Amino acid sequence: MKPETRAQLEARLKYYRDIGISAFFRDRAPVAPGLSPAPPQAHSRATASAGLKAGAAQPSRPSSILKPSASASLPAASRPAIQLPVVQSPGLFDAASKIMNDSLERIAADIGPDCTRCKLHRRRNKIVFGVGNPKAKLVFIGEGPGADEDEQGEPFVGRAGKLLTQMIEAMGLRRDDVYICNVVKCRPPENRTPEPDEIETCSPYLLRQLDVIHPQVIVCLGAVAAKTLLGTTASMGKLRQQWFEFRSTKLLATYHPAYCLRNPPSKADVWKDLQMAMVELGLPLPPKKK
């Protein structure tokens, strides 16, 4: 193994230990020649047909139920090579189990005030952890901090944040009633979309936040948040107006407030989505305009 590859691997394993994820692996049971590995089995569900399912590797067939082949009695040098199934690597969200006695304070401490785990730290001003009710029934998740958030250290405080606040108030709630956070905790340069390695590095902390809060409803604001949690590449147009399940929590995807500022007609679409959340939460819907 090359020294630089080994260093990167050691750094990655140390990072997993730092956030409380112990070592994990999957057994690879041998498959007799001529047998194909079992196909992946879908594990995500939606109440409406979206044609979107995140795949999870199905456990391989136990070797104890395989019939011995005729080649078993051949000398070792003459036997055909045993074919091992290609097992899909577990996603980080699948591999990570809940941390006992975890808390938002502990998660923030684990991130630390000077996190340098990904390249976003190079131009970051402040880490933007999250804000709101730690026991909220409703959690909003965006993609990453903007300039105002990077300056103040609080999510959704700029123009998009003000629009989100108005949406929350239209639901009959206050910002203090919900919890607001992002997939990545540091601002991407020029507000660009977070890159896959940045999401992979930072999203485990988001997972821990969700486990601690354990909300009744998660609303993903924008494609980055929805695709990160659902493990899909589908467009927002295909994800909207239906419920998904994420770790025993109802999940809804809608447009990001920044998108609504650029495309004002989309505000009506977001309001339809938020009304679905209101029904799920038992909040009264406003009377329809005549």
C-alpha atoms as a PDB file:
ATOM      1  CA  MET A   1       0.000   0.000   0.000  1.00  0.00           C
ATOM      2  CA  LYS A   2       1.307   3.419  -0.914  1.00  0.00           C
ATOM      3  CA  PRO A   3       2.255   5.636   2.049  1.00  0.00           C
ATOM      4  CA  GLU A   4      -0.158   8.401   1.000  1.00  0.00           C
ATOM      5  CA  THR A   5      -3.006   5.884   0.611  1.00  0.00           C
ATOM      6  CA  ARG A   6      -2.277   4.421   4.035  1.00  0.00           C
ATOM      7  CA  ALA A   7      -2.227   7.912   5.574  1.00  0.00           C
ATOM      8  CA  GLN A   8      -5.589   8.752   4.020  1.00  0.00           C
ATOM      9  CA  LEU A   9      -7.081   5.469   5.256  1.00  0.00           C
ATOM     10  CA  GLU A  10      -5.776   6.004   8.788  1.00  0.00           C
ATOM     11  CA  ALA A  11      -7.162   9.550   8.803  1.00  0.00           C
ATOM     12  CA  ARG A  12     -10.569   8.291   7.676  1.00  0.00           C
ATOM     13  CA  LEU A  13     -10.710   5.569  10.356  1.00  0.00           C
ATOM     14  CA  LYS A  14      -9.633   8.064  13.022  1.00  0.00           C
ATOM     15  CA  TYR A  15     -12.424  10.390  11.889  1.00  0.00           C
ATOM     16  CA  TYR A  16     -14.992   7.598  12.246  1.00  0.00           C
ATOM     17  CA  ARG A  17     -13.721   6.853  15.772  1.00  0.00           C
ATOM     18  CA  ASP A  18     -13.899  10.543  16.667  1.00  0.00           C
ATOM     19  CA  ILE A  19     -17.609  10.720  15.830  1.00  0.00           C
ATOM     20  CA  GLY A  20     -18.409   7.496  17.642  1.00  0.00           C
ATOM     21  CA  ILE A  21     -18.629   5.029  14.741  1.00  0.00           C
ATOM     22  CA  SER A  22     -16.807   1.835  15.598  1.00  0.00           C
ATOM     23  CA  ALA A  23     -15.270  -0.438  12.990  1.00  0.00           C
ATOM     24  CA  PHE A  24     -17.771  -2.271  10.827  1.00  0.00           C
ATOM     25  CA  PHE A  25     -17.622  -4.872   8.092  1.00  0.00           C
ATOM     26  CA  ARG A  26     -19.829  -7.259   6.175  1.00  0.00           C
ATOM     27  CA  ASP A  27     -19.182 -10.967   5.803  1.00  0.00           C
ATOM     28  CA  ARG A  28     -18.732 -12.240   2.294  1.00  0.00           C
ATOM     29  CA  ALA A  29     -20.026 -15.822   2.201  1.00  0.00           C
ATOM     30  CA  PRO A  30     -18.648 -17.914  -0.676  1.00  0.00           C
ATOM     31  CA  VAL A  31     -20.990 -18.699  -3.537  1.00  0.00           C
ATOM     32  CA  ALA A  32     -20.651 -21.942  -5.410  1.00  0.00           C
ATOM     33  CA  PRO A  33     -19.542 -21.732  -9.040  1.00  0.00           C
ATOM     34  CA  GLY A  34     -22.486 -21.125 -11.334  1.00  0.00           C
ATOM     35  CA  LEU A  35     -24.582 -19.366  -8.698  1.00  0.00           C
ATOM     36  CA  SER A  36     -25.183 -15.651  -8.987  1.00  0.00           C
ATOM     37  CA  PRO A  37     -25.100 -13.388  -5.951  1.00  0.00           C
ATOM     38  CA  ALA A  38     -28.463 -12.310  -4.615  1.00  0.00           C
ATOM     39  CA  PRO A  39     -29.533  -8.935  -6.031  1.00  0.00           C
ATOM     40  CA  PRO A  40     -29.732  -5.860  -3.838  1.00  0.00           C
ATOM     41  CA  GLN A  41     -33.058  -5.376  -2.108  1.00  0.00           C
ATOM     42  CA  ALA A  42     -34.717  -1.959  -1.856  1.00  0.00           C
ATOM     43  CA  HIS A  43     -35.151  -0.571   1.630  1.00  0.00           C
ATOM     44  CA  SER A  44     -36.611   2.926   1.168  1.00  0.00           C
ATOM     45  CA  ARG A  45     -40.354   3.434   0.852  1.00  0.00           C
ATOM     46  CA  ALA A  46     -42.602   6.156  -0.398  1.00  0.00           C
ATOM     47  CA  THR A  47     -46.356   6.350   0.014  1.00  0.00           C
ATOM     48  CA  ALA A  48     -46.696   7.508  -3.586  1.00  0.00           C
ATOM     49  CA  SER A  49     -45.033   5.852  -6.568  1.00  0.00           C
ATOM     50  CA  ALA A  50     -41.879   7.757  -7.310  1.00  0.00           C
ATOM     51  CA  GLY A  51     -39.861   4.908  -8.773  1.00  0.00           C
ATOM     52  CA  LEU A  52     -37.109   5.829  -6.306  1.00  0.00           C
ATOM     53  CA  LYS A  53     -35.647   3.283  -3.972  1.00  0.00           C
ATOM     54  CA  ALA A  54     -32.257   3.312  -2.308  1.00  0.00           C
ATOM     55  CA  GLY A  55     -30.603  -0.096  -2.664  1.00  0.00           C
ATOM     56  CA  ALA A  56     -29.254  -2.072   0.268  1.00  0.00           C
ATOM     57  CA  ALA A  57     -27.185  -5.200  -0.174  1.00  0.00           C
ATOM     58  CA  GLN A  58     -29.176  -8.367   0.493  1.00  0.00           C
ATOM     59  CA  PRO A  59     -27.413 -10.841   2.796  1.00  0.00           C
ATOM     60  CA  SER A  60     -25.540 -13.464   0.814  1.00  0.00           C
ATOM     61  CA  ARG A  61     -26.853 -17.028   0.790  1.00  0.00           C
ATOM     62  CA  PRO A  62     -25.293 -18.937   3.744  1.00  0.00           C
ATOM     63  CA  SER A  63     -22.622 -21.339   2.582  1.00  0.00           C
ATOM     64  CA  SER A  64     -24.142 -24.112   4.743  1.00  0.00           C
ATOM     65  CA  ILE A  65     -27.096 -24.516   2.377  1.00  0.00           C
ATOM     66  CA  LEU A  66     -24.973 -24.816  -0.759  1.00  0.00           C
ATOM     67  CA  LYS A  67     -24.721 -28.304  -2.230  1.00  0.00           C
ATOM     68  CA  PRO A  68     -21.147 -29.568  -2.628  1.00  0.00           C
ATOM     69  CA  SER A  69     -20.046 -29.475  -6.230  1.00  0.00           C
ATOM     70  CA  ALA A  70     -18.337 -32.273  -8.100  1.00  0.00           C
ATOM     71  CA  SER A  71     -15.109 -30.315  -8.044  1.00  0.00           C
ATOM     72  CA  ALA A  72     -14.937 -30.531  -4.244  1.00  0.00           C
ATOM     73  CA  SER A  73     -13.089 -33.836  -4.431  1.00  0.00           C
ATOM     74  CA  LEU A  74     -10.501 -32.568  -6.891  1.00  0.00           C
ATOM     75  CA  PRO A  75      -6.976 -31.702  -5.739  1.00  0.00           C
ATOM     76  CA  ALA A  76      -6.670 -28.123  -4.544  1.00  0.00           C
ATOM     77  CA  ALA A  77      -4.568 -27.091  -7.521  1.00  0.00           C
ATOM     78  CA  SER A  78      -7.201 -28.443  -9.945  1.00  0.00           C
ATOM     79  CA  ARG A  79     -10.306 -26.936  -8.340  1.00  0.00           C
ATOM     80  CA  PRO A  80     -11.901 -23.908 -10.013  1.00  0.00           C
ATOM     81  CA  ALA A  81     -11.542 -20.670  -8.116  1.00  0.00           C
ATOM     82  CA  ILE A  82     -14.428 -19.951  -5.737  1.00  0.00           C
ATOM     83  CA  GLN A  83     -16.397 -16.941  -6.881  1.00  0.00           C
ATOM     84  CA  LEU A  84     -17.138 -14.457  -4.144  1.00  0.00           C
ATOM     85  CA  PRO A  85     -20.179 -12.220  -4.481  1.00  0.00           C
ATOM     86  CA  VAL A  86     -19.584  -8.542  -4.955  1.00  0.00           C
ATOM     87  CA  VAL A  87     -21.144  -7.035  -1.839  1.00  0.00           C
ATOM     88  CA  GLN A  88     -22.268  -3.446  -2.048  1.00  0.00           C
ATOM     89  CA  SER A  89     -20.439  -1.308   0.482  1.00  0.00           C
ATOM     90  CA  PRO A  90     -22.802  -0.111   3.232  1.00  0.00           C
ATOM     91  CA  GLY A  91     -23.768   3.528   3.073  1.00  0.00           C
ATOM     92  CA  LEU A  92     -22.590   5.626   5.973  1.00  0.00           C
ATOM     93  CA  PHE A  93     -26.154   6.143   7.161  1.00  0.00           C
ATOM     94  CA  ASP A  94     -26.742   2.372   7.076  1.00  0.00           C
ATOM     95  CA  ALA A  95     -23.509   1.539   8.871  1.00  0.00           C
ATOM     96  CA  ALA A  96     -23.794   4.123  11.608  1.00  0.00           C
ATOM     97  CA  SER A  97     -25.797   3.098  14.630  1.00  0.00           C
ATOM     98  CA  LYS A  98     -27.194   5.475  17.199  1.00  0.00           C
ATOM     99  CA  ILE A  99     -24.771   6.671  19.847  1.00  0.00           C
ATOM    100  CA  MET A 100     -25.937   6.060  23.389  1.00  0.00           C
ATOM    101  CA  ASN A 101     -26.527   9.191  25.497  1.00  0.00           C
ATOM    102  CA  ASP A 102     -25.657  11.440  22.578  1.00  0.00           C
ATOM    103  CA  SER A 103     -26.606  15.122  22.712  1.00  0.00           C
ATOM    104  CA  LEU A 104     -26.425  18.197  20.530  1.00  0.00           C
ATOM    105  CA  GLU A 105     -23.786  19.607  22.863  1.00  0.00           C
ATOM    106  CA  ARG A 106     -21.658  16.496  22.476  1.00  0.00           C
ATOM    107  CA  ILE A 107     -21.992  16.569  18.687  1.00  0.00           C
ATOM    108  CA  ALA A 108     -20.929  20.223  18.584  1.00  0.00           C
ATOM    109  CA  ALA A 109     -17.982  19.401  20.832  1.00  0.00           C
ATOM    110  CA  ASP A 110     -16.980  16.485  18.593  1.00  0.00           C
ATOM    111  CA  ILE A 111     -16.976  18.785  15.569  1.00  0.00           C
ATOM    112  CA  GLY A 112     -14.903  21.254  17.544  1.00  0.00           C
ATOM    113  CA  PRO A 113     -14.432  24.999  17.044  1.00  0.00           C
ATOM    114  CA  ASP A 114     -11.678  24.560  14.450  1.00  0.00           C
ATOM    115  CA  CYS A 115     -12.760  21.589  12.324  1.00  0.00           C
ATOM    116  CA  THR A 116     -10.417  20.909   9.381  1.00  0.00           C
ATOM    117  CA  ARG A 117     -11.857  17.576   8.242  1.00  0.00           C
ATOM    118  CA  CYS A 118     -12.727  18.820   4.752  1.00  0.00           C
ATOM    119  CA  LYS A 119     -11.510  21.587   2.462  1.00  0.00           C
ATOM    120  CA  LEU A 120     -14.433  23.890   3.299  1.00  0.00           C
ATOM    121  CA  HIS A 121     -12.567  25.013   6.423  1.00  0.00           C
ATOM    122  CA  ARG A 122     -10.026  26.935   4.326  1.00  0.00           C
ATOM    123  CA  ARG A 123     -12.350  29.876   3.647  1.00  0.00           C
ATOM    124  CA  ARG A 124     -14.807  29.427   6.480  1.00  0.00           C
ATOM    125  CA  ASN A 125     -15.507  32.154   8.994  1.00  0.00           C
ATOM    126  CA  LYS A 126     -17.760  30.301  11.461  1.00  0.00           C
ATOM    127  CA  ILE A 127     -19.058  26.764  11.782  1.00  0.00           C
ATOM    128  CA  VAL A 128     -22.849  26.799  11.454  1.00  0.00           C
ATOM    129  CA  PHE A 129     -24.090  23.938  13.623  1.00  0.00           C
ATOM    130  CA  GLY A 130     -27.864  24.356  13.917  1.00  0.00           C
ATOM    131  CA  VAL A 131     -30.453  26.280  15.892  1.00  0.00           C
ATOM    132  CA  GLY A 132     -33.874  25.761  17.435  1.00  0.00           C
ATOM    133  CA  ASN A 133     -35.776  23.469  19.750  1.00  0.00           C
ATOM    134  CA  PRO A 134     -33.711  20.365  20.633  1.00  0.00           C
ATOM    135  CA  LYS A 135     -36.989  18.457  21.064  1.00  0.00           C
ATOM    136  CA  ALA A 136     -38.644  19.825  17.930  1.00  0.00           C
ATOM    137  CA  LYS A 137     -41.214  17.733  16.110  1.00  0.00           C
ATOM    138  CA  LEU A 138     -40.263  19.442  12.853  1.00  0.00           C
ATOM    139  CA  VAL A 139     -36.734  19.771  11.430  1.00  0.00           C
ATOM    140  CA  PHE A 140     -35.760  21.758   8.332  1.00  0.00           C
ATOM    141  CA  ILE A 141     -32.542  20.769   6.555  1.00  0.00           C
ATOM    142  CA  GLY A 142     -30.799  22.926   3.942  1.00  0.00           C
ATOM    143  CA  GLU A 143     -27.628  22.261   1.991  1.00  0.00           C
ATOM    144  CA  GLY A 144     -25.077  24.646   3.518  1.00  0.00           C
ATOM    145  CA  PRO A 145     -24.495  28.090   5.034  1.00  0.00           C
ATOM    146  CA  GLY A 146     -24.418  31.254   2.926  1.00  0.00           C
ATOM    147  CA  ALA A 147     -22.512  34.475   3.492  1.00  0.00           C
ATOM    148  CA  ASP A 148     -24.810  35.783   6.235  1.00  0.00           C
ATOM    149  CA  GLU A 149     -24.845  32.421   7.990  1.00  0.00           C
ATOM    150  CA  ASP A 150     -21.061  32.181   7.786  1.00  0.00           C
ATOM    151  CA  GLU A 151     -20.812  35.617   9.375  1.00  0.00           C
ATOM    152  CA  GLN A 152     -23.308  35.037  12.185  1.00  0.00           C
ATOM    153  CA  GLY A 153     -22.829  31.301  12.801  1.00  0.00           C
ATOM    154  CA  GLU A 154     -26.570  30.585  12.534  1.00  0.00           C
ATOM    155  CA  PRO A 155     -28.428  28.831   9.689  1.00  0.00           C
ATOM    156  CA  PHE A 156     -30.955  30.586   7.472  1.00  0.00           C
ATOM    157  CA  VAL A 157     -30.539  34.207   8.591  1.00  0.00           C
ATOM    158  CA  GLY A 158     -30.129  35.850   5.165  1.00  0.00           C
ATOM    159  CA  ARG A 159     -32.820  36.570   2.583  1.00  0.00           C
ATOM    160  CA  ALA A 160     -33.628  32.885   2.171  1.00  0.00           C
ATOM    161  CA  GLY A 161     -33.736  32.566   5.946  1.00  0.00           C
ATOM    162  CA  LYS A 162     -36.250  35.377   6.259  1.00  0.00           C
ATOM    163  CA  LEU A 163     -38.475  33.661   3.710  1.00  0.00           C
ATOM    164  CA  LEU A 164     -38.164  30.390   5.646  1.00  0.00           C
ATOM    165  CA  THR A 165     -39.170  32.226   8.836  1.00  0.00           C
ATOM    166  CA  GLN A 166     -42.268  33.551   7.065  1.00  0.00           C
ATOM    167  CA  MET A 167     -43.124  30.027   5.929  1.00  0.00           C
ATOM    168  CA  ILE A 168     -42.735  28.702   9.467  1.00  0.00           C
ATOM    169  CA  GLU A 169     -44.960  31.451  10.825  1.00  0.00           C
ATOM    170  CA  ALA A 170     -47.552  30.719   8.123  1.00  0.00           C
ATOM    171  CA  MET A 171     -47.688  27.206   9.560  1.00  0.00           C
ATOM    172  CA  GLY A 172     -48.626  28.705  12.922  1.00  0.00           C
ATOM    173  CA  LEU A 173     -45.184  28.093  14.424  1.00  0.00           C
ATOM    174  CA  ARG A 174     -42.126  30.098  15.438  1.00  0.00           C
ATOM    175  CA  ARG A 175     -38.493  29.481  14.591  1.00  0.00           C
ATOM    176  CA  ASP A 176     -37.958  28.520  18.227  1.00  0.00           C
ATOM    177  CA  ASP A 177     -40.517  25.720  17.810  1.00  0.00           C
ATOM    178  CA  VAL A 178     -38.573  23.939  15.065  1.00  0.00           C
ATOM    179  CA  TYR A 179     -34.943  22.938  14.476  1.00  0.00           C
ATOM    180  CA  ILE A 180     -32.978  24.231  11.487  1.00  0.00           C
ATOM    181  CA  CYS A 181     -29.648  22.897  10.203  1.00  0.00           C
ATOM    182  CA  ASN A 182     -27.710  22.041   7.046  1.00  0.00           C
ATOM    183  CA  VAL A 183     -26.031  19.057   5.437  1.00  0.00           C
ATOM    184  CA  VAL A 184     -22.610  20.742   5.664  1.00  0.00           C
ATOM    185  CA  LYS A 185     -21.644  23.061   8.512  1.00  0.00           C
ATOM    186  CA  CYS A 186     -19.275  25.365   6.617  1.00  0.00           C
ATOM    187  CA  ARG A 187     -19.998  27.703   3.731  1.00  0.00           C
ATOM    188  CA  PRO A 188     -18.995  26.425   0.284  1.00  0.00           C
ATOM    189  CA  PRO A 189     -17.056  29.102  -1.648  1.00  0.00           C
ATOM    190  CA  GLU A 190     -19.335  31.437  -3.585  1.00  0.00           C
ATOM    191  CA  ASN A 191     -22.305  29.431  -2.303  1.00  0.00           C
ATOM    192  CA  ARG A 192     -21.564  26.589  -4.716  1.00  0.00           C
ATOM    193  CA  THR A 193     -23.173  23.180  -4.241  1.00  0.00           C
ATOM    194  CA  PRO A 194     -21.350  21.057  -1.632  1.00  0.00           C
ATOM    195  CA  GLU A 195     -19.159  18.431  -3.262  1.00  0.00           C
ATOM    196  CA  PRO A 196     -19.569  14.691  -2.559  1.00  0.00           C
ATOM    197  CA  ASP A 197     -16.479  14.400  -0.362  1.00  0.00           C
ATOM    198  CA  GLU A 198     -17.599  17.397   1.701  1.00  0.00           C
ATOM    199  CA  ILE A 199     -21.055  15.893   2.163  1.00  0.00           C
ATOM    200  CA  GLU A 200     -19.574  12.517   3.089  1.00  0.00           C
ATOM    201  CA  THR A 201     -17.339  14.117   5.703  1.00  0.00           C
ATOM    202  CA  CYS A 202     -19.948  16.337   7.346  1.00  0.00           C
ATOM    203  CA  SER A 203     -23.259  14.494   6.998  1.00  0.00           C
ATOM    204  CA  PRO A 204     -22.600  11.984   9.826  1.00  0.00           C
ATOM    205  CA  TYR A 205     -22.984  14.901  12.244  1.00  0.00           C
ATOM    206  CA  LEU A 206     -26.341  15.699  10.648  1.00  0.00           C
ATOM    207  CA  LEU A 207     -27.374  12.085  11.176  1.00  0.00           C
ATOM    208  CA  ARG A 208     -26.457  12.343  14.836  1.00  0.00           C
ATOM    209  CA  GLN A 209     -28.431  15.577  15.177  1.00  0.00           C
ATOM    210  CA  LEU A 210     -31.503  13.884  13.745  1.00  0.00           C
ATOM    211  CA  ASP A 211     -31.070  10.894  16.045  1.00  0.00           C
ATOM    212  CA  VAL A 212     -30.870  13.141  19.100  1.00  0.00           C
ATOM    213  CA  ILE A 213     -33.828  15.335  18.147  1.00  0.00           C
ATOM    214  CA  HIS A 214     -35.870  12.434  16.752  1.00  0.00           C
ATOM    215  CA  PRO A 215     -38.449  14.670  15.045  1.00  0.00           C
ATOM    216  CA  GLN A 216     -41.821  13.593  13.782  1.00  0.00           C
ATOM    217  CA  VAL A 217     -41.260  15.242  10.399  1.00  0.00           C
ATOM    218  CA  ILE A 218     -38.139  16.175   8.413  1.00  0.00           C
ATOM    219  CA  VAL A 219     -38.458  18.724   5.610  1.00  0.00           C
ATOM    220  CA  CYS A 220     -35.537  18.727   3.173  1.00  0.00           C
ATOM    221  CA  LEU A 221     -35.086  22.162   1.640  1.00  0.00           C
ATOM    222  CA  GLY A 222     -33.595  21.608  -1.781  1.00  0.00           C
ATOM    223  CA  ALA A 223     -32.161  18.735  -3.774  1.00  0.00           C
ATOM    224  CA  VAL A 224     -28.869  18.417  -1.869  1.00  0.00           C
ATOM    225  CA  ALA A 225     -30.561  17.657   1.450  1.00  0.00           C
ATOM    226  CA  ALA A 226     -33.120  15.329  -0.132  1.00  0.00           C
ATOM    227  CA  LYS A 227     -30.579  13.409  -2.207  1.00  0.00           C
ATOM    228  CA  THR A 228     -28.195  13.107   0.752  1.00  0.00           C
ATOM    229  CA  LEU A 229     -30.758  11.557   3.071  1.00  0.00           C
ATOM    230  CA  LEU A 230     -32.652   9.508   0.493  1.00  0.00           C
ATOM    231  CA  GLY A 231     -29.627   8.365  -1.475  1.00  0.00           C
ATOM    232  CA  THR A 232     -31.237   9.200  -4.799  1.00  0.00           C
ATOM    233  CA  THR A 233     -30.390  11.181  -7.905  1.00  0.00           C
ATOM    234  CA  ALA A 234     -34.015  12.015  -8.727  1.00  0.00           C
ATOM    235  CA  SER A 235     -35.028  15.579  -9.418  1.00  0.00           C
ATOM    236  CA  MET A 236     -36.929  17.673  -6.903  1.00  0.00           C
ATOM    237  CA  GLY A 237     -39.924  17.633  -9.209  1.00  0.00           C
ATOM    238  CA  LYS A 238     -40.140  13.858  -8.775  1.00  0.00           C
ATOM    239  CA  LEU A 239     -39.508  13.938  -5.023  1.00  0.00           C
ATOM    240  CA  ARG A 240     -42.117  16.513  -4.029  1.00  0.00           C
ATOM    241  CA  GLN A 241     -45.666  15.849  -2.780  1.00  0.00           C
ATOM    242  CA  GLN A 242     -44.971  12.437  -1.274  1.00  0.00           C
ATOM    243  CA  TRP A 243     -43.772  10.974   1.986  1.00  0.00           C
ATOM    244  CA  PHE A 244     -40.556   9.043   2.465  1.00  0.00           C
ATOM    245  CA  GLU A 245     -39.294   7.281   5.548  1.00  0.00           C
ATOM    246  CA  PHE A 246     -35.865   8.038   6.962  1.00  0.00           C
ATOM    247  CA  ARG A 247     -34.820   6.104  10.065  1.00  0.00           C
ATOM    248  CA  SER A 248     -38.438   5.793  11.273  1.00  0.00           C
ATOM    249  CA  THR A 249     -39.161   9.480  10.607  1.00  0.00           C
ATOM    250  CA  LYS A 250     -41.480  10.922   7.945  1.00  0.00           C
ATOM    251  CA  LEU A 251     -39.484  12.893   5.373  1.00  0.00           C
ATOM    252  CA  LEU A 252     -40.772  15.454   2.879  1.00  0.00           C
ATOM    253  CA  ALA A 253     -38.778  17.190   0.137  1.00  0.00           C
ATOM    254  CA  THR A 254     -39.495  20.672  -1.195  1.00  0.00           C
ATOM    255  CA  TYR A 255     -37.754  23.568  -2.885  1.00  0.00           C
ATOM    256  CA  HIS A 256     -35.092  25.600  -1.095  1.00  0.00           C
ATOM    257  CA  PRO A 257     -36.154  29.143  -0.085  1.00  0.00           C
ATOM    258  CA  ALA A 258     -33.312  30.540  -2.203  1.00  0.00           C
ATOM    259  CA  TYR A 259     -34.867  28.835  -5.225  1.00  0.00           C
ATOM    260  CA  CYS A 260     -38.200  30.443  -4.340  1.00  0.00           C
ATOM    261  CA  LEU A 261     -36.542  33.861  -4.333  1.00  0.00           C
ATOM    262  CA  ARG A 262     -35.274  33.223  -7.852  1.00  0.00           C
ATOM    263  CA  ASN A 263     -38.558  31.635  -8.974  1.00  0.00           C
ATOM    264  CA  PRO A 264     -41.438  33.281  -7.049  1.00  0.00           C
ATOM    265  CA  PRO A 265     -44.175  30.980  -8.491  1.00  0.00           C
ATOM    266  CA  SER A 266     -42.514  28.050  -6.667  1.00  0.00           C
ATOM    267  CA  LYS A 267     -43.627  29.540  -3.331  1.00  0.00           C
ATOM    268  CA  ALA A 268     -47.093  28.147  -3.963  1.00  0.00           C
ATOM    269  CA  ASP A 269     -45.597  24.679  -4.502  1.00  0.00           C
ATOM    270  CA  VAL A 270     -43.659  24.897  -1.241  1.00  0.00           C
ATOM    271  CA  TRP A 271     -46.787  25.974   0.597  1.00  0.00           C
ATOM    272  CA  LYS A 272     -48.585  22.848  -0.697  1.00  0.00           C
ATOM    273  CA  ASP A 273     -45.740  20.711   0.626  1.00  0.00           C
ATOM    274  CA  LEU A 274     -45.719  22.448   3.999  1.00  0.00           C
ATOM    275  CA  GLN A 275     -49.447  21.886   4.348  1.00  0.00           C
ATOM    276  CA  MET A 276     -48.763  18.153   4.058  1.00  0.00           C
ATOM    277  CA  ALA A 277     -46.384  18.534   6.999  1.00  0.00           C
ATOM    278  CA  MET A 278     -49.007  20.484   8.917  1.00  0.00           C
ATOM    279  CA  VAL A 279     -51.536  17.684   8.495  1.00  0.00           C
ATOM    280  CA  GLU A 280     -48.975  15.121   9.664  1.00  0.00           C
ATOM    281  CA  LEU A 281     -48.153  17.277  12.712  1.00  0.00           C
ATOM    282  CA  GLY A 282     -51.807  17.894  13.533  1.00  0.00           C
ATOM    283  CA  LEU A 283     -51.582  21.630  12.875  1.00  0.00           C
ATOM    284  CA  PRO A 284     -54.738  23.422  11.697  1.00  0.00           C
ATOM    285  CA  LEU A 285     -54.766  24.419   8.044  1.00  0.00           C
ATOM    286  CA  PRO A 286     -55.682  28.000   7.176  1.00  0.00           C
ATOM    287  CA  PRO A 287     -59.158  28.466   5.681  1.00  0.00           C
ATOM    288  CA  LYS A 288     -59.260  28.387   1.916  1.00  0.00           C
ATOM    289  CA  LYS A 289     -59.679  31.712   0.221  1.00  0.00           C
ATOM    290  CA  LYS A 290     -63.002  32.157  -1.537  1.00  0.00           C
END
